[in-house]
Amino acid sequence: FLAILDKGDEVIIPAPFWVSYPEMVKLADGTPVF
């Protein structure tokens, strides 16, 4: 995520998901979309 995301980039995550996915996306300035 740190390698591919810039601020405003969205990452689609099917729910339910592993708890860390959204926080990892946000850590890299991305936006999780469920």
PDB file of all heavy atoms in Angstrom:
ATOM      1  N   PHE A   1       0.829  -1.212   0.000  1.00  0.00           N
ATOM      2  CA  PHE A   1       0.000   0.000   0.000  1.00  0.00           C
ATOM      3  C   PHE A   1       0.861   1.259   0.000  1.00  0.00           C
ATOM      4  O   PHE A   1       0.557   2.226  -0.692  1.00  0.00           O
ATOM      5  CB  PHE A   1      -0.940  -0.002   1.205  1.00  0.00           C
ATOM      6  CG  PHE A   1      -2.114  -0.932   1.064  1.00  0.00           C
ATOM      7  CD1 PHE A   1      -2.574  -1.661   2.153  1.00  0.00           C
ATOM      8  CD2 PHE A   1      -2.763  -1.089  -0.145  1.00  0.00           C
ATOM      9  CE1 PHE A   1      -3.660  -2.516   2.028  1.00  0.00           C
ATOM     10  CE2 PHE A   1      -3.850  -1.939  -0.283  1.00  0.00           C
ATOM     11  CZ  PHE A   1      -4.298  -2.663   0.811  1.00  0.00           C
ATOM     12  N   LEU A   2       1.941   1.252   0.778  1.00  0.00           N
ATOM     13  CA  LEU A   2       2.831   2.414   0.797  1.00  0.00           C
ATOM     14  C   LEU A   2       3.466   2.630  -0.572  1.00  0.00           C
ATOM     15  O   LEU A   2       3.775   3.769  -0.953  1.00  0.00           O
ATOM     16  CB  LEU A   2       3.913   2.224   1.855  1.00  0.00           C
ATOM     17  CG  LEU A   2       3.457   2.300   3.320  1.00  0.00           C
ATOM     18  CD1 LEU A   2       4.584   1.863   4.250  1.00  0.00           C
ATOM     19  CD2 LEU A   2       2.999   3.707   3.682  1.00  0.00           C
ATOM     20  N   ALA A   3       3.643   1.552  -1.307  1.00  0.00           N
ATOM     21  CA  ALA A   3       4.300   1.642  -2.616  1.00  0.00           C
ATOM     22  C   ALA A   3       3.372   2.134  -3.714  1.00  0.00           C
ATOM     23  O   ALA A   3       3.833   2.751  -4.691  1.00  0.00           O
ATOM     24  CB  ALA A   3       4.870   0.276  -2.996  1.00  0.00           C
ATOM     25  N   ILE A   4       2.057   1.891  -3.579  1.00  0.00           N
ATOM     26  CA  ILE A   4       1.164   2.171  -4.717  1.00  0.00           C
ATOM     27  C   ILE A   4       0.151   3.286  -4.468  1.00  0.00           C
ATOM     28  O   ILE A   4      -0.437   3.793  -5.431  1.00  0.00           O
ATOM     29  CB  ILE A   4       0.394   0.898  -5.141  1.00  0.00           C
ATOM     30  CG1 ILE A   4      -0.575   0.439  -4.037  1.00  0.00           C
ATOM     31  CG2 ILE A   4       1.364  -0.214  -5.533  1.00  0.00           C
ATOM     32  CD1 ILE A   4      -1.474  -0.720  -4.453  1.00  0.00           C
ATOM     33  N   LEU A   5      -0.070   3.690  -3.211  1.00  0.00           N
ATOM     34  CA  LEU A   5      -1.154   4.634  -2.930  1.00  0.00           C
ATOM     35  C   LEU A   5      -0.675   6.065  -2.736  1.00  0.00           C
ATOM     36  O   LEU A   5       0.377   6.312  -2.126  1.00  0.00           O
ATOM     37  CB  LEU A   5      -1.923   4.203  -1.675  1.00  0.00           C
ATOM     38  CG  LEU A   5      -2.651   2.861  -1.723  1.00  0.00           C
ATOM     39  CD1 LEU A   5      -3.376   2.609  -0.408  1.00  0.00           C
ATOM     40  CD2 LEU A   5      -3.619   2.804  -2.900  1.00  0.00           C
ATOM     41  N   ASP A   6      -1.458   6.987  -3.255  1.00  0.00           N
ATOM     42  CA  ASP A   6      -1.324   8.409  -2.954  1.00  0.00           C
ATOM     43  C   ASP A   6      -2.622   8.886  -2.328  1.00  0.00           C
ATOM     44  O   ASP A   6      -3.648   8.187  -2.360  1.00  0.00           O
ATOM     45  CB  ASP A   6      -1.046   9.206  -4.232  1.00  0.00           C
ATOM     46  CG  ASP A   6       0.380   9.022  -4.729  1.00  0.00           C
ATOM     47  OD1 ASP A   6       1.302   9.094  -3.893  1.00  0.00           O
ATOM     48  OD2 ASP A   6       0.565   8.796  -5.938  1.00  0.00           O
ATOM     49  N   LYS A   7      -2.579  10.062  -1.751  1.00  0.00           N
ATOM     50  CA  LYS A   7      -3.768  10.610  -1.092  1.00  0.00           C
ATOM     51  C   LYS A   7      -4.935  10.673  -2.081  1.00  0.00           C
ATOM     52  O   LYS A   7      -4.785  11.157  -3.203  1.00  0.00           O
ATOM     53  CB  LYS A   7      -3.478  12.002  -0.535  1.00  0.00           C
ATOM     54  CG  LYS A   7      -4.520  12.500   0.446  1.00  0.00           C
ATOM     55  CD  LYS A   7      -4.046  13.761   1.138  1.00  0.00           C
ATOM     56  CE  LYS A   7      -5.014  14.203   2.233  1.00  0.00           C
ATOM     57  NZ  LYS A   7      -5.142  13.213   3.305  1.00  0.00           N
ATOM     58  N   GLY A   8      -6.083  10.165  -1.661  1.00  0.00           N
ATOM     59  CA  GLY A   8      -7.267  10.161  -2.511  1.00  0.00           C
ATOM     60  C   GLY A   8      -7.491   8.874  -3.278  1.00  0.00           C
ATOM     61  O   GLY A   8      -8.578   8.639  -3.803  1.00  0.00           O
ATOM     62  N   ASP A   9      -6.461   8.030  -3.355  1.00  0.00           N
ATOM     63  CA  ASP A   9      -6.623   6.740  -4.023  1.00  0.00           C
ATOM     64  C   ASP A   9      -7.541   5.843  -3.199  1.00  0.00           C
ATOM     65  O   ASP A   9      -7.417   5.762  -1.967  1.00  0.00           O
ATOM     66  CB  ASP A   9      -5.277   6.041  -4.201  1.00  0.00           C
ATOM     67  CG  ASP A   9      -4.437   6.653  -5.299  1.00  0.00           C
ATOM     68  OD1 ASP A   9      -5.005   7.359  -6.154  1.00  0.00           O
ATOM     69  OD2 ASP A   9      -3.205   6.432  -5.299  1.00  0.00           O
ATOM     70  N   GLU A  10      -8.445   5.161  -3.877  1.00  0.00           N
ATOM     71  CA  GLU A  10      -9.397   4.275  -3.207  1.00  0.00           C
ATOM     72  C   GLU A  10      -8.960   2.816  -3.327  1.00  0.00           C
ATOM     73  O   GLU A  10      -8.431   2.396  -4.361  1.00  0.00           O
ATOM     74  CB  GLU A  10     -10.792   4.432  -3.807  1.00  0.00           C
ATOM     75  CG  GLU A  10     -11.394   5.816  -3.586  1.00  0.00           C
ATOM     76  CD  GLU A  10     -12.730   6.001  -4.275  1.00  0.00           C
ATOM     77  OE1 GLU A  10     -13.130   5.114  -5.066  1.00  0.00           O
ATOM     78  OE2 GLU A  10     -13.378   7.051  -4.030  1.00  0.00           O
ATOM     79  N   VAL A  11      -9.203   2.065  -2.256  1.00  0.00           N
ATOM     80  CA  VAL A  11      -8.945   0.626  -2.254  1.00  0.00           C
ATOM     81  C   VAL A  11     -10.248  -0.087  -1.907  1.00  0.00           C
ATOM     82  O   VAL A  11     -10.828   0.152  -0.844  1.00  0.00           O
ATOM     83  CB  VAL A  11      -7.847   0.239  -1.245  1.00  0.00           C
ATOM     84  CG1 VAL A  11      -7.637  -1.278  -1.252  1.00  0.00           C
ATOM     85  CG2 VAL A  11      -6.543   0.963  -1.551  1.00  0.00           C
ATOM     86  N   ILE A  12     -10.712  -0.937  -2.788  1.00  0.00           N
ATOM     87  CA  ILE A  12     -11.952  -1.683  -2.562  1.00  0.00           C
ATOM     88  C   ILE A  12     -11.657  -2.892  -1.688  1.00  0.00           C
ATOM     89  O   ILE A  12     -10.727  -3.660  -1.959  1.00  0.00           O
ATOM     90  CB  ILE A  12     -12.575  -2.120  -3.896  1.00  0.00           C
ATOM     91  CG1 ILE A  12     -12.989  -0.887  -4.710  1.00  0.00           C
ATOM     92  CG2 ILE A  12     -13.765  -3.049  -3.667  1.00  0.00           C
ATOM     93  CD1 ILE A  12     -13.450  -1.211  -6.113  1.00  0.00           C
ATOM     94  N   ILE A  13     -12.468  -3.048  -0.638  1.00  0.00           N
ATOM     95  CA  ILE A  13     -12.299  -4.140   0.322  1.00  0.00           C
ATOM     96  C   ILE A  13     -13.647  -4.822   0.545  1.00  0.00           C
ATOM     97  O   ILE A  13     -14.555  -4.216   1.104  1.00  0.00           O
ATOM     98  CB  ILE A  13     -11.758  -3.630   1.670  1.00  0.00           C
ATOM     99  CG1 ILE A  13     -10.497  -2.785   1.482  1.00  0.00           C
ATOM    100  CG2 ILE A  13     -11.497  -4.791   2.614  1.00  0.00           C
ATOM    101  CD1 ILE A  13      -9.994  -2.135   2.766  1.00  0.00           C
ATOM    102  N   PRO A  14     -13.822  -6.070   0.125  1.00  0.00           N
ATOM    103  CA  PRO A  14     -15.064  -6.778   0.446  1.00  0.00           C
ATOM    104  C   PRO A  14     -15.185  -6.987   1.958  1.00  0.00           C
ATOM    105  O   PRO A  14     -14.196  -7.278   2.633  1.00  0.00           O
ATOM    106  CB  PRO A  14     -14.917  -8.123  -0.267  1.00  0.00           C
ATOM    107  CG  PRO A  14     -13.863  -7.892  -1.313  1.00  0.00           C
ATOM    108  CD  PRO A  14     -12.939  -6.874  -0.725  1.00  0.00           C
ATOM    109  N   ALA A  15     -16.404  -6.807   2.479  1.00  0.00           N
ATOM    110  CA  ALA A  15     -16.651  -7.027   3.905  1.00  0.00           C
ATOM    111  C   ALA A  15     -17.492  -8.290   4.064  1.00  0.00           C
ATOM    112  O   ALA A  15     -18.437  -8.496   3.305  1.00  0.00           O
ATOM    113  CB  ALA A  15     -17.387  -5.829   4.501  1.00  0.00           C
ATOM    114  N   PRO A  16     -17.152  -9.140   5.053  1.00  0.00           N
ATOM    115  CA  PRO A  16     -16.161  -8.917   6.103  1.00  0.00           C
ATOM    116  C   PRO A  16     -14.722  -9.063   5.584  1.00  0.00           C
ATOM    117  O   PRO A  16     -14.468  -9.758   4.615  1.00  0.00           O
ATOM    118  CB  PRO A  16     -16.487 -10.000   7.132  1.00  0.00           C
ATOM    119  CG  PRO A  16     -17.079 -11.112   6.331  1.00  0.00           C
ATOM    120  CD  PRO A  16     -17.858 -10.437   5.246  1.00  0.00           C
ATOM    121  N   PHE A  17     -13.812  -8.400   6.300  1.00  0.00           N
ATOM    122  CA  PHE A  17     -12.411  -8.336   5.907  1.00  0.00           C
ATOM    123  C   PHE A  17     -11.541  -8.511   7.144  1.00  0.00           C
ATOM    124  O   PHE A  17     -11.991  -8.357   8.272  1.00  0.00           O
ATOM    125  CB  PHE A  17     -12.111  -6.982   5.256  1.00  0.00           C
ATOM    126  CG  PHE A  17     -12.712  -5.812   6.011  1.00  0.00           C
ATOM    127  CD1 PHE A  17     -12.152  -5.340   7.186  1.00  0.00           C
ATOM    128  CD2 PHE A  17     -13.879  -5.212   5.550  1.00  0.00           C
ATOM    129  CE1 PHE A  17     -12.720  -4.283   7.885  1.00  0.00           C
ATOM    130  CE2 PHE A  17     -14.452  -4.148   6.241  1.00  0.00           C
ATOM    131  CZ  PHE A  17     -13.866  -3.691   7.415  1.00  0.00           C
ATOM    132  N   TRP A  18     -10.283  -8.803   6.900  1.00  0.00           N
ATOM    133  CA  TRP A  18      -9.328  -8.858   8.011  1.00  0.00           C
ATOM    134  C   TRP A  18      -9.200  -7.449   8.591  1.00  0.00           C
ATOM    135  O   TRP A  18      -9.086  -6.469   7.849  1.00  0.00           O
ATOM    136  CB  TRP A  18      -7.978  -9.377   7.510  1.00  0.00           C
ATOM    137  CG  TRP A  18      -6.937  -9.482   8.564  1.00  0.00           C
ATOM    138  CD1 TRP A  18      -7.071  -9.942   9.843  1.00  0.00           C
ATOM    139  CD2 TRP A  18      -5.567  -9.108   8.430  1.00  0.00           C
ATOM    140  NE1 TRP A  18      -5.875  -9.877  10.510  1.00  0.00           N
ATOM    141  CE2 TRP A  18      -4.942  -9.368   9.664  1.00  0.00           C
ATOM    142  CE3 TRP A  18      -4.814  -8.579   7.384  1.00  0.00           C
ATOM    143  CZ2 TRP A  18      -3.591  -9.122   9.877  1.00  0.00           C
ATOM    144  CZ3 TRP A  18      -3.480  -8.342   7.590  1.00  0.00           C
ATOM    145  CH2 TRP A  18      -2.872  -8.609   8.837  1.00  0.00           C
ATOM    146  N   VAL A  19      -9.208  -7.344   9.902  1.00  0.00           N
ATOM    147  CA  VAL A  19      -9.325  -6.050  10.582  1.00  0.00           C
ATOM    148  C   VAL A  19      -8.259  -5.035  10.186  1.00  0.00           C
ATOM    149  O   VAL A  19      -8.503  -3.828  10.234  1.00  0.00           O
ATOM    150  CB  VAL A  19      -9.300  -6.231  12.121  1.00  0.00           C
ATOM    151  CG1 VAL A  19     -10.526  -6.971  12.600  1.00  0.00           C
ATOM    152  CG2 VAL A  19      -8.035  -6.954  12.578  1.00  0.00           C
ATOM    153  N   SER A  20      -7.091  -5.482   9.783  1.00  0.00           N
ATOM    154  CA  SER A  20      -5.990  -4.547   9.519  1.00  0.00           C
ATOM    155  C   SER A  20      -6.044  -3.908   8.136  1.00  0.00           C
ATOM    156  O   SER A  20      -5.389  -2.876   7.908  1.00  0.00           O
ATOM    157  CB  SER A  20      -4.641  -5.246   9.705  1.00  0.00           C
ATOM    158  OG  SER A  20      -4.431  -5.576  11.062  1.00  0.00           O
ATOM    159  N   TYR A  21      -6.781  -4.481   7.194  1.00  0.00           N
ATOM    160  CA  TYR A  21      -6.780  -3.930   5.834  1.00  0.00           C
ATOM    161  C   TYR A  21      -7.113  -2.432   5.794  1.00  0.00           C
ATOM    162  O   TYR A  21      -6.369  -1.650   5.198  1.00  0.00           O
ATOM    163  CB  TYR A  21      -7.776  -4.677   4.942  1.00  0.00           C
ATOM    164  CG  TYR A  21      -7.416  -6.088   4.540  1.00  0.00           C
ATOM    165  CD1 TYR A  21      -8.399  -6.945   4.053  1.00  0.00           C
ATOM    166  CD2 TYR A  21      -6.117  -6.574   4.617  1.00  0.00           C
ATOM    167  CE1 TYR A  21      -8.099  -8.241   3.665  1.00  0.00           C
ATOM    168  CE2 TYR A  21      -5.806  -7.870   4.238  1.00  0.00           C
ATOM    169  CZ  TYR A  21      -6.810  -8.698   3.762  1.00  0.00           C
ATOM    170  OH  TYR A  21      -6.518  -9.985   3.377  1.00  0.00           O
ATOM    171  N   PRO A  22      -8.245  -2.007   6.379  1.00  0.00           N
ATOM    172  CA  PRO A  22      -8.581  -0.572   6.258  1.00  0.00           C
ATOM    173  C   PRO A  22      -7.550   0.342   6.899  1.00  0.00           C
ATOM    174  O   PRO A  22      -7.249   1.418   6.364  1.00  0.00           O
ATOM    175  CB  PRO A  22      -9.931  -0.456   6.981  1.00  0.00           C
ATOM    176  CG  PRO A  22     -10.490  -1.840   6.997  1.00  0.00           C
ATOM    177  CD  PRO A  22      -9.304  -2.744   7.092  1.00  0.00           C
ATOM    178  N   GLU A  23      -7.005  -0.065   8.041  1.00  0.00           N
ATOM    179  CA  GLU A  23      -6.017   0.775   8.723  1.00  0.00           C
ATOM    180  C   GLU A  23      -4.721   0.860   7.928  1.00  0.00           C
ATOM    181  O   GLU A  23      -4.052   1.898   7.910  1.00  0.00           O
ATOM    182  CB  GLU A  23      -5.757   0.240  10.136  1.00  0.00           C
ATOM    183  CG  GLU A  23      -6.995   0.231  11.022  1.00  0.00           C
ATOM    184  CD  GLU A  23      -7.699   1.573  11.076  1.00  0.00           C
ATOM    185  OE1 GLU A  23      -7.019   2.611  11.253  1.00  0.00           O
ATOM    186  OE2 GLU A  23      -8.943   1.590  10.908  1.00  0.00           O
ATOM    187  N   MET A  24      -4.358  -0.229   7.272  1.00  0.00           N
ATOM    188  CA  MET A  24      -3.176  -0.204   6.405  1.00  0.00           C
ATOM    189  C   MET A  24      -3.380   0.772   5.245  1.00  0.00           C
ATOM    190  O   MET A  24      -2.472   1.533   4.886  1.00  0.00           O
ATOM    191  CB  MET A  24      -2.904  -1.602   5.855  1.00  0.00           C
ATOM    192  CG  MET A  24      -2.436  -2.617   6.884  1.00  0.00           C
ATOM    193  SD  MET A  24      -2.443  -4.267   6.144  1.00  0.00           S
ATOM    194  CE  MET A  24      -1.550  -5.191   7.390  1.00  0.00           C
ATOM    195  N   VAL A  25      -4.576   0.741   4.656  1.00  0.00           N
ATOM    196  CA  VAL A  25      -4.880   1.659   3.551  1.00  0.00           C
ATOM    197  C   VAL A  25      -4.782   3.103   4.021  1.00  0.00           C
ATOM    198  O   VAL A  25      -4.166   3.955   3.369  1.00  0.00           O
ATOM    199  CB  VAL A  25      -6.293   1.367   2.987  1.00  0.00           C
ATOM    200  CG1 VAL A  25      -6.718   2.462   2.003  1.00  0.00           C
ATOM    201  CG2 VAL A  25      -6.319   0.003   2.306  1.00  0.00           C
ATOM    202  N   LYS A  26      -5.382   3.386   5.180  1.00  0.00           N
ATOM    203  CA  LYS A  26      -5.372   4.760   5.701  1.00  0.00           C
ATOM    204  C   LYS A  26      -3.962   5.195   6.080  1.00  0.00           C
ATOM    205  O   LYS A  26      -3.604   6.367   5.922  1.00  0.00           O
ATOM    206  CB  LYS A  26      -6.335   4.867   6.884  1.00  0.00           C
ATOM    207  CG  LYS A  26      -7.802   4.787   6.466  1.00  0.00           C
ATOM    208  CD  LYS A  26      -8.751   5.044   7.619  1.00  0.00           C
ATOM    209  CE  LYS A  26      -8.947   3.834   8.474  1.00  0.00           C
ATOM    210  NZ  LYS A  26     -10.003   4.031   9.500  1.00  0.00           N
ATOM    211  N   LEU A  27      -3.160   4.267   6.589  1.00  0.00           N
ATOM    212  CA  LEU A  27      -1.774   4.586   6.930  1.00  0.00           C
ATOM    213  C   LEU A  27      -1.012   5.074   5.707  1.00  0.00           C
ATOM    214  O   LEU A  27      -0.121   5.927   5.804  1.00  0.00           O
ATOM    215  CB  LEU A  27      -1.090   3.342   7.518  1.00  0.00           C
ATOM    216  CG  LEU A  27       0.339   3.496   8.031  1.00  0.00           C
ATOM    217  CD1 LEU A  27       0.386   4.436   9.228  1.00  0.00           C
ATOM    218  CD2 LEU A  27       0.920   2.146   8.409  1.00  0.00           C
ATOM    219  N   ALA A  28      -1.391   4.555   4.532  1.00  0.00           N
ATOM    220  CA  ALA A  28      -0.736   4.953   3.277  1.00  0.00           C
ATOM    221  C   ALA A  28      -1.468   6.090   2.573  1.00  0.00           C
ATOM    222  O   ALA A  28      -1.244   6.338   1.386  1.00  0.00           O
ATOM    223  CB  ALA A  28      -0.632   3.741   2.352  1.00  0.00           C
ATOM    224  N   ASP A  29      -2.362   6.787   3.329  1.00  0.00           N
ATOM    225  CA  ASP A  29      -3.113   7.938   2.809  1.00  0.00           C
ATOM    226  C   ASP A  29      -4.184   7.559   1.795  1.00  0.00           C
ATOM    227  O   ASP A  29      -4.699   8.422   1.075  1.00  0.00           O
ATOM    228  CB  ASP A  29      -2.186   8.998   2.196  1.00  0.00           C
ATOM    229  CG  ASP A  29      -1.543   9.880   3.261  1.00  0.00           C
ATOM    230  OD1 ASP A  29      -2.113   9.959   4.367  1.00  0.00           O
ATOM    231  OD2 ASP A  29      -0.482  10.461   2.983  1.00  0.00           O
ATOM    232  N   GLY A  30      -4.518   6.284   1.714  1.00  0.00           N
ATOM    233  CA  GLY A  30      -5.581   5.856   0.821  1.00  0.00           C
ATOM    234  C   GLY A  30      -6.934   5.893   1.515  1.00  0.00           C
ATOM    235  O   GLY A  30      -7.037   6.143   2.716  1.00  0.00           O
ATOM    236  N   THR A  31      -7.983   5.618   0.739  1.00  0.00           N
ATOM    237  CA  THR A  31      -9.351   5.614   1.254  1.00  0.00           C
ATOM    238  C   THR A  31      -9.958   4.235   1.049  1.00  0.00           C
ATOM    239  O   THR A  31     -10.126   3.787  -0.093  1.00  0.00           O
ATOM    240  CB  THR A  31     -10.210   6.652   0.506  1.00  0.00           C
ATOM    241  OG1 THR A  31      -9.620   7.943   0.669  1.00  0.00           O
ATOM    242  CG2 THR A  31     -11.630   6.670   1.041  1.00  0.00           C
ATOM    243  N   PRO A  32     -10.294   3.537   2.151  1.00  0.00           N
ATOM    244  CA  PRO A  32     -10.937   2.237   1.988  1.00  0.00           C
ATOM    245  C   PRO A  32     -12.389   2.389   1.541  1.00  0.00           C
ATOM    246  O   PRO A  32     -13.103   3.271   2.020  1.00  0.00           O
ATOM    247  CB  PRO A  32     -10.850   1.617   3.388  1.00  0.00           C
ATOM    248  CG  PRO A  32     -10.663   2.756   4.323  1.00  0.00           C
ATOM    249  CD  PRO A  32     -10.020   3.866   3.562  1.00  0.00           C
ATOM    250  N   VAL A  33     -12.800   1.541   0.605  1.00  0.00           N
ATOM    251  CA  VAL A  33     -14.180   1.509   0.109  1.00  0.00           C
ATOM    252  C   VAL A  33     -14.678   0.078   0.285  1.00  0.00           C
ATOM    253  O   VAL A  33     -14.054  -0.863  -0.219  1.00  0.00           O
ATOM    254  CB  VAL A  33     -14.251   1.920  -1.379  1.00  0.00           C
ATOM    255  CG1 VAL A  33     -15.664   1.742  -1.916  1.00  0.00           C
ATOM    256  CG2 VAL A  33     -13.776   3.354  -1.559  1.00  0.00           C
ATOM    257  N   PHE A  34     -15.793  -0.085   0.984  1.00  0.00           N
ATOM    258  CA  PHE A  34     -16.238  -1.424   1.351  1.00  0.00           C
ATOM    259  C   PHE A  34     -17.399  -1.910   0.490  1.00  0.00           C
ATOM    260  O   PHE A  34     -18.292  -1.147   0.126  1.00  0.00           O
ATOM    261  CB  PHE A  34     -16.657  -1.444   2.826  1.00  0.00           C
ATOM    262  CG  PHE A  34     -15.584  -0.933   3.755  1.00  0.00           C
ATOM    263  CD1 PHE A  34     -15.754   0.249   4.469  1.00  0.00           C
ATOM    264  CD2 PHE A  34     -14.388  -1.608   3.879  1.00  0.00           C
ATOM    265  CE1 PHE A  34     -14.763   0.727   5.310  1.00  0.00           C
ATOM    266  CE2 PHE A  34     -13.375  -1.141   4.713  1.00  0.00           C
ATOM    267  CZ  PHE A  34     -13.570   0.032   5.433  1.00  0.00           C
TER     268      PHE A  34
END
